[in-house]
Amino acid sequence: MFQKKSLGQNFLHSKKILQDIVGAGNIAPGETVLEIGPGTGSLTETLLATDAKVIAVEKDDRLIPILEQKFQNAIKNGKLTLVHGDILEYDISQLKLNSGSYKLIANPPYYITGALLRKFLETNSQPSCVVLLIQKEVAERIMARDGKESLLSVSVKAYGSPRYIATVKAGNFSPTPKVDSAIIAITDISKKRFAGFSEEKFFTVLKAGFAHKRKRLAGNLKNVIANGEKILEELNIEKNSRPENLSLEMWFALAATM
């Protein structure tokens, strides 16, 4: 009834999986949790049961009155703050959340996963922990389960430690999506790796390196690193390497040569 295809809405109806998502966040009473896309409030209800203070950001204006009605008591007593807006366009500084002072736990629309991670890992107001229910294929790519790194996996690992929690079958959603999902947690989030190091420089090298992932690394980097083959040799990186074979530490070493 409430699903809007353009917003990628698939509502989770398994109480066990809702508990698994919340459990992965290790929420202590009184902690602040930011939820993206609460939908009809199933995850919101489970989060509130931990005695957390929840801030829920919902884009779909049809769902706002439903959520206001369902959680009127939680809103009244300050346990739930409901925000109507598009999280990708929303200025999160308005939420007055300091870095490390909150957790991001959500079942967001699949199509915003990459942009959502980028926004909250790159911000100066990072969450201490991120727990997301996302497309299984994307979760596996973040974990590099096939032994091959990607632009996404290295980007996430530059800021925190990702962990694959569980696979969630498509039948647990309404309407049923065409793909399975997975719960993933990212902990130890910080910018400590970038202390005295340029994030912009790192991502310039990283994006150039993965621009043509089937090509040799030296060829991909020629426009951003002078004498690329010599630099690779000095860093003991095989000149015929492909970007998917490099570790996070190797990417930082390459960026340091710019």
Foldseek 3Di string as FASTA:
>chain_A
DPDDVVQLDWAFDDLVVLCLLLVVVVDAAAAEEEEEACDLPPNVVVNVVNNYQYEYEHADPVNVVNVCVVCVVCVVVRSYHYHHDDVLPDDCVVVVAAAQRHEYGYAGRQVCVQSVLCVQLPDRRHHQKYKYKYFPVVLCQLVVVVLFHALNVLVLVQFFDKDWRAKAAQVRIVPRDPGIITIMMTHPGDNVSCVVHDPVLLNVLSCLLRVPQVAFSLVSCVVPAPPSQVQCVVVVHPRRDGSRNDDSVVSSSRSVRD
